[in-house]
């Protein structure tokens, strides 16, 4: 069975303003000091997916810069440009339709572009297990991060007690909790952080979108029917901006979990969602005053600050 990697890189990165802007969001920035975030995501994906099958979904405003940034790493034809931001259900559905119509069904590994992974080999091992599981059964699979503290910044996945080869059933999803609930979740040992990484067959996720969000699927089907025709881009630009905004969690994952159709693999890989300036402390060490200093910076009477030059 074919394997495909899809990197979601369409966000505006507004929480990293003014460094991150609409035309150059955080995924096109070098925040770690090693490489652009999107290129780090491509390198991680290349551990499990061949170069020719790695796709990036990004916004129209970022497409030109994305082509330059990923030159030699991702084939230009695999940069999918969204005419408008319509949230993850449409982003994932569009990429699944592109794969199914143009390349044939297969297992998709979907990751955001703005994650920091300390232990790439640990994530790689878990993704390989997930790909094999997705090949063997028609289940939606997600990666859950073993929580290291009661975070109120992440959503949580409630796991069942049964376990087959480190794969657990998902009983439900929880939104970002308050401190008391987060502490309860972590203490119970039954919850994982929701990473936003998914593994499933392209045909299966489209079936689930059709079942649980039929209006979104109907519009994606119009786009799919125009693929490989001269009208493809015209239909994409006419239809895509009018699709209802909805996350894949709300559209598909939550109702699917209630029917026992979602599995999770726990992962301990030093994961973090690089969402805003305060997460820079994950990427860089603090000085003796608790400051994160990036670039040519001199800190005078500064404590607990992020200083970027």
Protein backbone atom coordinates (compact mmCIF):
# COMPACT_ATOMS: atom_id res chain seq x y z
CA UNK A 1 0.00 0.00 0.00
CA UNK A 2 1.17 3.52 -0.78
CA UNK A 3 2.19 5.84 2.04
CA UNK A 4 1.79 9.62 1.94
CA UNK A 5 2.87 12.41 4.26
CA UNK A 6 0.83 15.60 4.61
CA UNK A 7 2.25 18.58 6.50
CA UNK A 8 -0.33 21.21 7.44
CA UNK A 9 1.37 24.60 7.07
CA UNK A 10 -1.47 27.01 6.45
CA UNK A 11 -1.73 28.87 9.74
CA UNK A 12 -1.14 32.60 9.99
CA UNK A 13 1.10 32.35 13.06
CA UNK A 14 -0.55 35.44 14.55
CA UNK A 15 0.64 34.66 18.09
CA UNK A 16 4.26 35.14 16.96
CA UNK A 17 3.63 38.67 15.69
CA UNK A 18 5.52 40.83 14.78
CA UNK A 19 8.15 38.26 13.76
CA UNK A 20 5.45 36.14 12.15
CA UNK A 21 3.14 37.79 9.64
CA UNK A 22 0.39 36.63 7.32
CA UNK A 23 2.73 36.30 4.34
CA UNK A 24 5.55 34.81 6.40
CA UNK A 25 4.03 32.82 9.29
CA UNK A 26 6.02 30.91 11.90
CA UNK A 27 6.32 27.75 9.80
CA UNK A 28 8.52 29.77 7.42
CA UNK A 29 10.73 31.02 10.25
CA UNK A 30 13.86 29.56 11.82
CA UNK A 31 12.85 29.59 15.48
CA UNK A 32 15.06 26.75 16.69
CA UNK A 33 18.29 28.09 15.22
CA UNK A 34 18.64 24.97 13.03
CA UNK A 35 16.23 25.36 10.09
CA UNK A 36 12.82 26.65 9.09
CA UNK A 37 10.04 24.93 11.02
CA UNK A 38 8.50 23.53 7.84
CA UNK A 39 11.83 22.04 6.76
CA UNK A 40 12.27 20.40 10.14
CA UNK A 41 8.79 18.91 9.70
CA UNK A 42 9.75 17.64 6.23
CA UNK A 43 12.91 16.03 7.62
CA UNK A 44 10.89 14.23 10.29
CA UNK A 45 8.33 13.09 7.72
CA UNK A 46 11.10 11.79 5.45
CA UNK A 47 11.98 9.25 8.16
CA UNK A 48 8.78 7.36 7.31
CA UNK A 49 7.63 8.66 3.90
CA UNK A 50 9.49 8.82 0.58
CA UNK A 51 10.29 12.29 -0.77
CA UNK A 52 7.98 11.98 -3.79
CA UNK A 53 5.00 11.33 -1.50
CA UNK A 54 5.42 14.23 0.94
CA UNK A 55 2.83 17.00 0.54
CA UNK A 56 2.53 20.42 2.14
CA UNK A 57 -0.79 22.25 2.42
CA UNK A 58 -0.36 26.00 2.76
CA UNK A 59 -2.20 29.24 2.08
CA UNK A 60 -2.07 31.10 -1.21
CA UNK A 61 -0.21 34.02 0.37
CA UNK A 62 2.57 31.70 1.52
CA UNK A 63 2.80 29.45 -1.54
CA UNK A 64 5.58 31.32 -3.36
CA UNK A 65 7.76 31.51 -0.23
CA UNK A 66 6.97 27.87 0.57
CA UNK A 67 8.18 26.77 -2.88
CA UNK A 68 11.47 28.60 -2.32
CA UNK A 69 11.89 27.41 1.27
CA UNK A 70 11.35 23.73 0.46
CA UNK A 71 13.15 23.64 -2.91
CA UNK A 72 14.95 20.32 -3.27
CA UNK A 73 13.09 18.85 -0.31
CA UNK A 74 9.49 18.66 -1.61
CA UNK A 75 8.37 18.41 -5.23
CA UNK A 76 6.66 21.64 -6.35
CA UNK A 77 3.61 19.68 -7.52
CA UNK A 78 3.16 18.49 -3.93
CA UNK A 79 2.69 22.01 -2.53
CA UNK A 80 -1.10 22.31 -2.25
CA UNK A 81 -2.35 25.88 -2.08
CA UNK A 82 -5.55 26.65 -0.16
CA UNK A 83 -7.52 29.59 -1.62
CA UNK A 84 -8.79 30.34 1.90
CA UNK A 85 -8.25 29.06 5.43
CA UNK A 86 -11.14 26.72 6.25
CA UNK A 87 -9.72 24.83 9.27
CA UNK A 88 -8.39 21.29 9.47
CA UNK A 89 -11.40 19.27 8.29
CA UNK A 90 -11.25 20.91 4.87
CA UNK A 91 -7.45 21.01 4.77
CA UNK A 92 -7.22 17.28 5.47
CA UNK A 93 -10.17 16.43 3.23
CA UNK A 94 -8.68 18.39 0.35
CA UNK A 95 -5.31 16.67 0.66
CA UNK A 96 -7.01 13.26 0.88
CA UNK A 97 -9.03 14.03 -2.25
CA UNK A 98 -5.87 15.15 -4.09
CA UNK A 99 -4.10 11.93 -3.15
CA UNK A 100 -7.01 9.65 -3.97
CA UNK A 101 -7.80 11.25 -7.34
CA UNK A 102 -4.24 11.69 -8.60
CA UNK A 103 -2.10 9.03 -6.96
CA UNK A 104 -4.31 6.26 -5.60
CA UNK A 105 -5.43 5.28 -2.13
CA UNK A 106 -2.94 4.80 0.66
CA UNK A 107 -2.11 5.56 4.27
CA UNK A 108 -1.73 9.25 5.10
CA UNK A 109 0.51 10.51 7.90
CA UNK A 110 -0.66 14.02 8.81
CA UNK A 111 1.32 16.39 11.00
CA UNK A 112 1.31 20.14 11.67
CA UNK A 113 4.36 22.13 10.60
CA UNK A 114 4.81 23.93 13.91
CA UNK A 115 5.79 21.14 16.28
CA UNK A 116 9.06 20.77 18.13
CA UNK A 117 10.24 17.17 18.55
CA UNK A 118 13.25 16.52 20.76
CA UNK A 119 13.46 12.75 20.13
CA UNK A 120 12.75 12.24 16.43
CA UNK A 121 13.62 8.53 16.53
CA UNK A 122 10.95 7.90 19.18
CA UNK A 123 8.33 9.61 17.03
CA UNK A 124 9.53 7.70 13.96
CA UNK A 125 9.08 4.36 15.70
CA UNK A 126 5.54 5.25 16.78
CA UNK A 127 4.60 6.48 13.30
CA UNK A 128 5.86 3.24 11.73
CA UNK A 129 3.66 1.26 14.10
CA UNK A 130 0.70 3.52 13.32
CA UNK A 131 1.17 3.14 9.56
CA UNK A 132 1.15 -0.65 9.87
CA UNK A 133 -2.00 -0.51 12.01
CA UNK A 134 -3.73 1.79 9.52
CA UNK A 135 -2.92 -0.63 6.71
CA UNK A 136 -4.43 -3.55 8.58
CA UNK A 137 -7.68 -2.03 9.85
CA UNK A 138 -10.19 0.67 8.98
CA UNK A 139 -9.61 2.82 12.03
CA UNK A 140 -8.70 6.45 12.52
CA UNK A 141 -5.40 6.62 14.38
CA UNK A 142 -3.93 9.54 16.28
CA UNK A 143 -0.75 10.10 18.26
CA UNK A 144 -1.14 10.97 21.93
CA UNK A 145 1.70 12.57 23.84
CA UNK A 146 2.50 11.23 27.29
CA UNK A 147 1.88 14.28 29.53
CA UNK A 148 4.78 15.51 31.62
CA UNK A 149 2.78 18.05 33.63
CA UNK A 150 -0.88 19.17 33.93
CA UNK A 151 -0.92 21.58 30.97
CA UNK A 152 -3.91 23.84 30.36
CA UNK A 153 -2.61 24.73 26.89
CA UNK A 154 -3.35 21.40 25.19
CA UNK A 155 -6.40 19.28 24.54
CA UNK A 156 -6.51 15.77 26.01
CA UNK A 157 -7.37 12.29 24.73
CA UNK A 158 -9.13 9.87 27.07
CA UNK A 159 -7.84 6.33 26.52
CA UNK A 160 -9.38 2.96 27.19
CA UNK A 161 -7.58 0.41 29.35
CA UNK A 162 -7.38 -2.27 26.65
CA UNK A 163 -4.12 -2.33 24.76
CA UNK A 164 -2.93 -4.19 21.67
CA UNK A 165 0.70 -3.63 20.78
CA UNK A 166 0.75 -0.27 22.58
CA UNK A 167 -2.36 0.83 20.66
CA UNK A 168 -5.31 1.92 22.78
CA UNK A 169 -8.94 2.74 21.99
CA UNK A 170 -9.96 6.38 22.29
CA UNK A 171 -12.97 6.94 24.53
CA UNK A 172 -13.22 10.67 24.01
CA UNK A 173 -11.57 14.05 23.61
CA UNK A 174 -11.38 16.89 26.10
CA UNK A 175 -10.91 20.57 25.32
CA UNK A 176 -8.12 22.57 26.99
CA UNK A 177 -8.95 22.13 30.69
CA UNK A 178 -8.59 24.36 33.71
CA UNK A 179 -5.80 23.60 36.18
CA UNK A 180 -7.89 21.36 38.41
CA UNK A 181 -9.13 19.22 35.53
CA UNK A 182 -5.66 19.02 33.97
CA UNK A 183 -4.21 17.80 37.27
CA UNK A 184 -6.97 15.20 37.54
CA UNK A 185 -6.36 14.00 33.98
CA UNK A 186 -2.63 13.55 34.46
CA UNK A 187 -2.98 11.90 37.88
CA UNK A 188 -5.43 9.34 36.50
CA UNK A 189 -2.97 8.02 33.93
CA UNK A 190 -5.84 7.67 31.46
CA UNK A 191 -5.21 10.78 29.39
CA UNK A 192 -2.72 11.86 26.73
CA UNK A 193 -2.10 15.24 25.16
CA UNK A 194 -3.79 15.67 21.80
CA UNK A 195 -0.92 16.17 19.32
CA UNK A 196 -2.95 16.84 16.18
CA UNK A 197 -1.09 14.08 14.32
CA UNK A 198 -3.19 11.54 12.42
CA UNK A 199 -2.71 8.33 10.44
CA UNK A 200 -5.39 6.75 8.23
CA UNK A 201 -6.28 5.72 4.70
CA UNK A 202 -7.22 8.58 2.37
CA UNK A 203 -10.42 6.80 1.37
CA UNK A 204 -11.38 6.20 5.00
CA UNK A 205 -11.12 9.81 6.14
CA UNK A 206 -13.20 10.93 3.16
CA UNK A 207 -15.83 8.33 4.08
CA UNK A 208 -15.90 9.69 7.63
CA UNK A 209 -16.18 13.30 6.47
CA UNK A 210 -19.05 12.25 4.22
CA UNK A 211 -20.76 10.52 7.15
CA UNK A 212 -20.31 13.19 9.82
CA UNK A 213 -19.92 16.42 7.83
CA UNK A 214 -21.81 15.78 4.59
CA UNK A 215 -21.94 19.45 3.61
CA UNK A 216 -18.15 19.69 3.73
CA UNK A 217 -17.79 16.46 1.80
CA UNK A 218 -20.20 17.63 -0.91
CA UNK A 219 -17.98 20.65 -1.61
CA UNK A 220 -14.80 18.56 -1.51
CA UNK A 221 -16.41 16.18 -4.00
CA UNK A 222 -16.99 19.07 -6.42
CA UNK A 223 -13.30 19.92 -6.17
CA UNK A 224 -12.33 16.27 -6.60
CA UNK A 225 -14.50 15.84 -9.68
CA UNK A 226 -12.68 18.74 -11.33
CA UNK A 227 -9.21 17.38 -10.58
CA UNK A 228 -7.17 16.39 -13.64
CA UNK A 229 -9.34 18.65 -15.82
CA UNK A 230 -8.72 22.15 -17.24
CA UNK A 231 -11.31 23.49 -14.76
CA UNK A 232 -9.50 22.25 -11.66
CA UNK A 233 -8.15 25.60 -10.43
CA UNK A 234 -11.31 27.51 -11.32
CA UNK A 235 -13.51 25.10 -9.38
CA UNK A 236 -11.08 25.05 -6.45
CA UNK A 237 -11.17 28.84 -6.17
CA UNK A 238 -14.95 29.01 -6.58
CA UNK A 239 -15.80 26.29 -4.07
CA UNK A 240 -13.09 26.22 -1.40
CA UNK A 241 -13.65 29.65 0.22
CA UNK A 242 -17.31 28.83 0.84
CA UNK A 243 -16.76 25.56 2.70
CA UNK A 244 -17.83 25.65 6.34
CA UNK A 245 -14.96 26.11 8.79
CA UNK A 246 -14.63 23.13 11.12
CA UNK A 247 -11.79 21.30 12.80
CA UNK A 248 -11.19 17.63 12.09
CA UNK A 249 -11.63 16.95 15.82
CA UNK A 250 -15.18 18.30 15.87
CA UNK A 251 -16.12 17.11 12.39
CA UNK A 252 -14.83 13.54 12.55
CA UNK A 253 -12.72 12.49 15.52
CA UNK A 254 -15.24 13.08 18.31
CA UNK A 255 -18.21 11.33 16.66
CA UNK A 256 -15.95 8.52 15.44
CA UNK A 257 -14.54 7.98 18.93
CA UNK A 258 -18.05 7.60 20.32
CA UNK A 259 -18.48 4.63 17.97
CA UNK A 260 -15.17 3.00 18.83
CA UNK A 261 -13.50 3.89 15.52
CA UNK A 262 -10.49 5.82 16.86
CA UNK A 263 -7.21 4.42 18.19
CA UNK A 264 -4.27 6.18 19.81
CA UNK A 265 -0.60 5.38 20.17
CA UNK A 266 1.13 6.97 23.17
CA UNK A 267 4.38 8.73 22.33
CA UNK A 268 7.12 10.12 24.56
CA UNK A 269 9.24 12.13 22.14
CA UNK A 270 9.85 15.50 23.78
CA UNK A 271 6.94 17.05 21.87
CA UNK A 272 5.80 20.63 22.10
CA UNK A 273 3.41 22.77 20.10
CA UNK A 274 5.32 25.95 19.29
CA UNK A 275 2.30 28.20 19.55
CA UNK A 276 3.45 31.54 20.90
CA UNK A 277 6.40 33.50 22.24
CA UNK A 278 6.29 31.82 25.65
CA UNK A 279 7.13 28.46 24.05
CA UNK A 280 10.54 29.76 22.93
CA UNK A 281 11.87 28.46 26.24
CA UNK A 282 11.34 24.96 24.81
CA UNK A 283 13.65 25.73 21.89
CA UNK A 284 16.31 27.72 23.74
CA UNK A 285 17.88 27.60 27.19
CA UNK A 286 17.13 30.30 29.74
CA UNK A 287 19.88 32.41 31.27
CA UNK A 288 20.42 32.84 35.01
CA UNK A 289 17.61 35.42 35.14
CA UNK A 290 15.09 33.23 33.37
CA UNK A 291 15.44 35.06 30.06
CA UNK A 292 15.42 33.46 26.62
CA UNK A 293 17.95 35.34 24.48
CA UNK A 294 17.94 34.74 20.72
CA UNK A 295 20.30 36.62 18.41
CA UNK A 296 22.45 39.63 19.25
CA UNK A 297 20.84 40.60 22.55
CA UNK A 298 22.05 42.42 25.66
CA UNK A 299 19.66 42.06 28.61
CA UNK A 300 19.77 44.80 31.27
CA UNK A 301 17.64 44.33 34.40
CA UNK A 302 15.46 41.86 32.51
CA UNK A 303 13.88 38.80 34.13
CA UNK A 304 11.64 36.09 32.75
CA UNK A 305 11.54 37.64 29.28
CA UNK A 306 11.90 36.45 25.69
CA UNK A 307 14.30 38.74 23.79
CA UNK A 308 14.67 38.13 20.06
CA UNK A 309 16.92 40.09 17.72
